[in-house]
């Protein structure tokens, strides 16, 4: 696995015990990026949506989908 994916997997809390389980699902990656964008934007959804390159409406739907607080 490329170093940048290993780093992201570790940051997301993936276990080192089984290399195959270290590769996160696309849903896990998407949720992680949304949470990081919200943190970086100070929980401002307009700014976070711009960081992610998606509309605010799409961001709200994804926040609801992943039950992000």
C-alpha atoms as a PDB file:
ATOM      1  CA  UNK A   1       0.000   0.000   0.000  1.00  0.00           C
ATOM      2  CA  UNK A   2       1.367   3.473  -0.816  1.00  0.00           C
ATOM      3  CA  UNK A   3       2.762   5.438   2.107  1.00  0.00           C
ATOM      4  CA  UNK A   4       0.083   8.143   1.937  1.00  0.00           C
ATOM      5  CA  UNK A   5      -2.672   5.519   2.202  1.00  0.00           C
ATOM      6  CA  UNK A   6      -0.901   3.785   5.076  1.00  0.00           C
ATOM      7  CA  UNK A   7      -0.653   7.121   6.894  1.00  0.00           C
ATOM      8  CA  UNK A   8      -4.342   7.856   6.314  1.00  0.00           C
ATOM      9  CA  UNK A   9      -5.300   4.355   7.446  1.00  0.00           C
ATOM     10  CA  UNK A  10      -3.289   4.736  10.623  1.00  0.00           C
ATOM     11  CA  UNK A  11      -4.763   8.183  11.269  1.00  0.00           C
ATOM     12  CA  UNK A  12      -8.227   6.694  10.840  1.00  0.00           C
ATOM     13  CA  UNK A  13      -7.394   4.110  13.514  1.00  0.00           C
ATOM     14  CA  UNK A  14      -6.788   1.042  11.356  1.00  0.00           C
ATOM     15  CA  UNK A  15      -5.058  -1.862  13.025  1.00  0.00           C
ATOM     16  CA  UNK A  16      -1.532  -2.951  12.182  1.00  0.00           C
ATOM     17  CA  UNK A  17      -2.318  -6.583  12.960  1.00  0.00           C
ATOM     18  CA  UNK A  18      -3.735  -7.505   9.546  1.00  0.00           C
ATOM     19  CA  UNK A  19      -2.469  -5.709   6.437  1.00  0.00           C
ATOM     20  CA  UNK A  20      -5.606  -6.539   4.430  1.00  0.00           C
ATOM     21  CA  UNK A  21      -7.839  -4.865   7.035  1.00  0.00           C
ATOM     22  CA  UNK A  22      -5.695  -1.715   6.964  1.00  0.00           C
ATOM     23  CA  UNK A  23      -7.225  -0.626   3.678  1.00  0.00           C
ATOM     24  CA  UNK A  24     -10.283   1.456   4.636  1.00  0.00           C
ATOM     25  CA  UNK A  25     -13.588   1.282   2.784  1.00  0.00           C
ATOM     26  CA  UNK A  26     -14.576   4.181   0.542  1.00  0.00           C
ATOM     27  CA  UNK A  27     -17.322   5.110   3.002  1.00  0.00           C
ATOM     28  CA  UNK A  28     -14.766   5.230   5.832  1.00  0.00           C
ATOM     29  CA  UNK A  29     -12.485   7.435   3.745  1.00  0.00           C
ATOM     30  CA  UNK A  30     -15.324   9.760   2.764  1.00  0.00           C
ATOM     31  CA  UNK A  31     -16.515  10.122   6.372  1.00  0.00           C
ATOM     32  CA  UNK A  32     -12.949  10.753   7.541  1.00  0.00           C
ATOM     33  CA  UNK A  33     -12.419  13.495   4.940  1.00  0.00           C
ATOM     34  CA  UNK A  34     -15.708  15.161   5.782  1.00  0.00           C
ATOM     35  CA  UNK A  35     -14.818  15.172   9.488  1.00  0.00           C
ATOM     36  CA  UNK A  36     -11.345  16.589   8.749  1.00  0.00           C
ATOM     37  CA  UNK A  37     -12.778  19.300   6.489  1.00  0.00           C
ATOM     38  CA  UNK A  38     -15.309  20.263   9.151  1.00  0.00           C
ATOM     39  CA  UNK A  39     -12.567  20.426  11.778  1.00  0.00           C
ATOM     40  CA  UNK A  40     -10.342  22.513   9.520  1.00  0.00           C
ATOM     41  CA  UNK A  41     -13.259  24.837   8.718  1.00  0.00           C
ATOM     42  CA  UNK A  42     -14.146  25.288  12.389  1.00  0.00           C
ATOM     43  CA  UNK A  43     -17.388  23.327  11.833  1.00  0.00           C
ATOM     44  CA  UNK A  44     -18.461  25.896   9.217  1.00  0.00           C
ATOM     45  CA  UNK A  45     -20.319  23.791   6.665  1.00  0.00           C
ATOM     46  CA  UNK A  46     -20.024  26.344   3.850  1.00  0.00           C
ATOM     47  CA  UNK A  47     -16.245  26.450   4.214  1.00  0.00           C
ATOM     48  CA  UNK A  48     -16.033  22.664   4.604  1.00  0.00           C
ATOM     49  CA  UNK A  49     -18.074  22.100   1.447  1.00  0.00           C
ATOM     50  CA  UNK A  50     -15.710  24.397  -0.465  1.00  0.00           C
ATOM     51  CA  UNK A  51     -12.691  22.510   0.889  1.00  0.00           C
ATOM     52  CA  UNK A  52     -14.266  19.250  -0.288  1.00  0.00           C
ATOM     53  CA  UNK A  53     -15.408  20.649  -3.643  1.00  0.00           C
ATOM     54  CA  UNK A  54     -19.065  19.747  -3.068  1.00  0.00           C
ATOM     55  CA  UNK A  55     -22.237  21.754  -2.539  1.00  0.00           C
ATOM     56  CA  UNK A  56     -23.536  22.546   0.944  1.00  0.00           C
ATOM     57  CA  UNK A  57     -26.624  20.470   0.191  1.00  0.00           C
ATOM     58  CA  UNK A  58     -24.456  17.463  -0.675  1.00  0.00           C
ATOM     59  CA  UNK A  59     -22.405  17.992   2.480  1.00  0.00           C
ATOM     60  CA  UNK A  60     -25.549  18.082   4.623  1.00  0.00           C
ATOM     61  CA  UNK A  61     -26.758  14.835   3.028  1.00  0.00           C
ATOM     62  CA  UNK A  62     -23.404  13.153   3.684  1.00  0.00           C
ATOM     63  CA  UNK A  63     -23.331  14.440   7.286  1.00  0.00           C
ATOM     64  CA  UNK A  64     -26.737  12.856   7.764  1.00  0.00           C
ATOM     65  CA  UNK A  65     -25.707   9.644   5.964  1.00  0.00           C
ATOM     66  CA  UNK A  66     -22.647   9.164   8.197  1.00  0.00           C
ATOM     67  CA  UNK A  67     -24.337  10.516  11.347  1.00  0.00           C
ATOM     68  CA  UNK A  68     -21.602  13.110  11.825  1.00  0.00           C
ATOM     69  CA  UNK A  69     -22.168  15.420  14.800  1.00  0.00           C
END
